[in-house]
Amino acid sequence: MRMEQKCRERGKSFVLAPRFYASSKTCNTCKTTYRNLPLSVREWICPSCGKLVERDRNASLNLRDWACTRGLRESNVCGDEHGGRPLFEPKKPDIVEAEIVLGNAFQEAPCL
């Protein structure tokens, strides 16, 4: 991978999240996951914590957290000064129904 090589050349850590990690479907605040959220929905309201979730920003925060808790346990790249332990332990996600923001209307997201 070109990005991995560039990181190596610059002395940076490279972490690759699992292909099907639901980074944009998991609320970054409470870790509730919505399995059937269509990609066309860019914002949604988390029914567990009430947060208005912006999909792209949420995904970036989840990927950062994933790298700091699972992907880089052996380094201090995420600011951990205590031997590579995670900065925090992620909460086990709940699977519940979500409301999808469609303009000014709301629609329930299907869940399995």
C-alpha atoms as a PDB file:
ATOM      1  CA  MET A   1       0.000   0.000   0.000  1.00  0.00           C
ATOM      2  CA  ARG A   2       1.287   3.395  -0.920  1.00  0.00           C
ATOM      3  CA  MET A   3      -0.023   5.126   2.209  1.00  0.00           C
ATOM      4  CA  GLU A   4       1.546   2.504   4.451  1.00  0.00           C
ATOM      5  CA  GLN A   5       4.881   2.980   2.678  1.00  0.00           C
ATOM      6  CA  LYS A   6       4.683   6.789   3.035  1.00  0.00           C
ATOM      7  CA  CYS A   7       4.035   6.423   6.776  1.00  0.00           C
ATOM      8  CA  ARG A   8       6.974   4.052   7.132  1.00  0.00           C
ATOM      9  CA  GLU A   9       9.278   6.481   5.264  1.00  0.00           C
ATOM     10  CA  ARG A  10       8.295   9.268   7.662  1.00  0.00           C
ATOM     11  CA  GLY A  11       8.524   7.166  10.813  1.00  0.00           C
ATOM     12  CA  LYS A  12       4.756   7.251  11.383  1.00  0.00           C
ATOM     13  CA  SER A  13       2.449   4.477  12.505  1.00  0.00           C
ATOM     14  CA  PHE A  14      -0.059   3.106   9.997  1.00  0.00           C
ATOM     15  CA  VAL A  15      -3.223   1.392  11.231  1.00  0.00           C
ATOM     16  CA  LEU A  16      -5.850  -0.174   9.003  1.00  0.00           C
ATOM     17  CA  ALA A  17      -9.323  -0.653  10.491  1.00  0.00           C
ATOM     18  CA  PRO A  18     -11.252  -3.792   9.515  1.00  0.00           C
ATOM     19  CA  ARG A  19     -13.005  -3.457   6.154  1.00  0.00           C
ATOM     20  CA  PHE A  20     -16.533  -3.682   7.566  1.00  0.00           C
ATOM     21  CA  TYR A  21     -15.980  -1.637  10.746  1.00  0.00           C
ATOM     22  CA  ALA A  22     -19.172   0.453  11.070  1.00  0.00           C
ATOM     23  CA  SER A  23     -17.383   3.749  11.764  1.00  0.00           C
ATOM     24  CA  SER A  24     -20.130   5.957  10.322  1.00  0.00           C
ATOM     25  CA  LYS A  25     -23.003   3.884  11.754  1.00  0.00           C
ATOM     26  CA  THR A  26     -21.804   3.923  15.367  1.00  0.00           C
ATOM     27  CA  CYS A  27     -22.556   6.929  17.590  1.00  0.00           C
ATOM     28  CA  ASN A  28     -19.212   8.271  18.797  1.00  0.00           C
ATOM     29  CA  THR A  29     -20.738   9.415  22.089  1.00  0.00           C
ATOM     30  CA  CYS A  30     -22.540   6.293  23.331  1.00  0.00           C
ATOM     31  CA  LYS A  31     -21.280   3.647  20.828  1.00  0.00           C
ATOM     32  CA  THR A  32     -24.788   2.587  19.738  1.00  0.00           C
ATOM     33  CA  THR A  33     -24.627   0.965  16.267  1.00  0.00           C
ATOM     34  CA  TYR A  34     -27.248   1.149  13.473  1.00  0.00           C
ATOM     35  CA  ARG A  35     -26.735  -1.704  11.017  1.00  0.00           C
ATOM     36  CA  ASN A  36     -29.161  -0.749   8.210  1.00  0.00           C
ATOM     37  CA  LEU A  37     -28.463   2.976   7.920  1.00  0.00           C
ATOM     38  CA  PRO A  38     -28.314   3.807   4.178  1.00  0.00           C
ATOM     39  CA  LEU A  39     -25.252   5.684   2.942  1.00  0.00           C
ATOM     40  CA  SER A  40     -27.507   8.440   1.566  1.00  0.00           C
ATOM     41  CA  VAL A  41     -28.404   9.484   5.138  1.00  0.00           C
ATOM     42  CA  ARG A  42     -25.726  12.001   6.147  1.00  0.00           C
ATOM     43  CA  GLU A  43     -27.135  13.003   9.574  1.00  0.00           C
ATOM     44  CA  TRP A  44     -29.141  11.065  12.146  1.00  0.00           C
ATOM     45  CA  ILE A  45     -30.265  11.423  15.747  1.00  0.00           C
ATOM     46  CA  CYS A  46     -29.031   8.830  18.208  1.00  0.00           C
ATOM     47  CA  PRO A  47     -32.004   7.530  20.198  1.00  0.00           C
ATOM     48  CA  SER A  48     -29.758   6.390  23.044  1.00  0.00           C
ATOM     49  CA  CYS A  49     -28.084   9.725  23.824  1.00  0.00           C
ATOM     50  CA  GLY A  50     -30.009  12.210  21.617  1.00  0.00           C
ATOM     51  CA  LYS A  51     -26.914  13.466  19.781  1.00  0.00           C
ATOM     52  CA  LEU A  52     -27.288  14.806  16.238  1.00  0.00           C
ATOM     53  CA  VAL A  53     -24.690  12.747  14.391  1.00  0.00           C
ATOM     54  CA  GLU A  54     -22.910  14.084  11.296  1.00  0.00           C
ATOM     55  CA  ARG A  55     -21.860  10.910   9.533  1.00  0.00           C
ATOM     56  CA  ASP A  56     -18.398  11.892   8.197  1.00  0.00           C
ATOM     57  CA  ARG A  57     -17.209  13.629  11.385  1.00  0.00           C
ATOM     58  CA  ASN A  58     -18.589  10.773  13.460  1.00  0.00           C
ATOM     59  CA  ALA A  59     -16.688   8.233  11.332  1.00  0.00           C
ATOM     60  CA  SER A  60     -13.432  10.150  11.742  1.00  0.00           C
ATOM     61  CA  LEU A  61     -13.834  10.227  15.532  1.00  0.00           C
ATOM     62  CA  ASN A  62     -14.666   6.512  15.658  1.00  0.00           C
ATOM     63  CA  LEU A  63     -11.644   5.627  13.515  1.00  0.00           C
ATOM     64  CA  ARG A  64      -9.388   7.751  15.743  1.00  0.00           C
ATOM     65  CA  ASP A  65     -10.768   6.012  18.822  1.00  0.00           C
ATOM     66  CA  TRP A  66     -10.398   2.597  17.188  1.00  0.00           C
ATOM     67  CA  ALA A  67      -6.743   3.264  16.400  1.00  0.00           C
ATOM     68  CA  CYS A  68      -6.050   4.484  19.943  1.00  0.00           C
ATOM     69  CA  THR A  69      -7.801   1.587  21.690  1.00  0.00           C
ATOM     70  CA  ARG A  70      -7.238  -1.392  19.401  1.00  0.00           C
ATOM     71  CA  GLY A  71      -4.915  -0.570  16.541  1.00  0.00           C
ATOM     72  CA  LEU A  72      -1.910   0.906  18.331  1.00  0.00           C
ATOM     73  CA  ARG A  73      -1.687  -0.838  21.689  1.00  0.00           C
ATOM     74  CA  GLU A  74       2.075  -1.241  21.377  1.00  0.00           C
ATOM     75  CA  SER A  75       2.914   2.411  20.721  1.00  0.00           C
ATOM     76  CA  ASN A  76       2.291   5.773  22.346  1.00  0.00           C
ATOM     77  CA  VAL A  77       1.074   7.432  19.141  1.00  0.00           C
ATOM     78  CA  CYS A  78      -2.241   8.363  20.791  1.00  0.00           C
ATOM     79  CA  GLY A  79      -0.654  10.029  23.781  1.00  0.00           C
ATOM     80  CA  ASP A  80      -0.582   7.066  26.153  1.00  0.00           C
ATOM     81  CA  GLU A  81       2.514   7.229  28.319  1.00  0.00           C
ATOM     82  CA  HIS A  82       1.850   3.985  30.183  1.00  0.00           C
ATOM     83  CA  GLY A  83       3.127   1.152  28.015  1.00  0.00           C
ATOM     84  CA  GLY A  84       0.673   1.135  25.124  1.00  0.00           C
ATOM     85  CA  ARG A  85      -2.499   0.586  27.140  1.00  0.00           C
ATOM     86  CA  PRO A  86      -5.602   2.125  25.564  1.00  0.00           C
ATOM     87  CA  LEU A  87      -6.542   5.647  26.599  1.00  0.00           C
ATOM     88  CA  PHE A  88     -10.035   4.394  27.415  1.00  0.00           C
ATOM     89  CA  GLU A  89     -11.967   1.173  27.100  1.00  0.00           C
ATOM     90  CA  PRO A  90     -14.740   1.406  24.515  1.00  0.00           C
ATOM     91  CA  LYS A  91     -18.290   0.818  25.671  1.00  0.00           C
ATOM     92  CA  LYS A  92     -19.991  -2.285  24.310  1.00  0.00           C
ATOM     93  CA  PRO A  93     -22.387  -1.026  21.621  1.00  0.00           C
ATOM     94  CA  ASP A  94     -26.151  -1.333  21.886  1.00  0.00           C
ATOM     95  CA  ILE A  95     -28.247  -2.037  18.798  1.00  0.00           C
ATOM     96  CA  VAL A  96     -31.463   0.001  18.767  1.00  0.00           C
ATOM     97  CA  GLU A  97     -33.711   1.808  16.289  1.00  0.00           C
ATOM     98  CA  ALA A  98     -32.511   5.196  15.067  1.00  0.00           C
ATOM     99  CA  GLU A  99     -34.330   8.222  13.732  1.00  0.00           C
ATOM    100  CA  ILE A 100     -33.073   9.422  10.363  1.00  0.00           C
ATOM    101  CA  VAL A 101     -33.095  13.149   9.623  1.00  0.00           C
ATOM    102  CA  LEU A 102     -34.644  13.781   6.194  1.00  0.00           C
ATOM    103  CA  GLY A 103     -34.916  17.525   5.756  1.00  0.00           C
ATOM    104  CA  ASN A 104     -37.430  18.511   8.421  1.00  0.00           C
ATOM    105  CA  ALA A 105     -39.040  15.055   8.633  1.00  0.00           C
ATOM    106  CA  PHE A 106     -38.059  12.033  10.697  1.00  0.00           C
ATOM    107  CA  GLN A 107     -38.124   8.383   9.667  1.00  0.00           C
ATOM    108  CA  GLU A 108     -37.274   5.309  11.722  1.00  0.00           C
ATOM    109  CA  ALA A 109     -34.250   3.356  10.560  1.00  0.00           C
ATOM    110  CA  PRO A 110     -34.776  -0.395  10.265  1.00  0.00           C
ATOM    111  CA  CYS A 111     -32.702  -2.562  12.596  1.00  0.00           C
ATOM    112  CA  LEU A 112     -32.045  -6.267  12.765  1.00  0.00           C
END
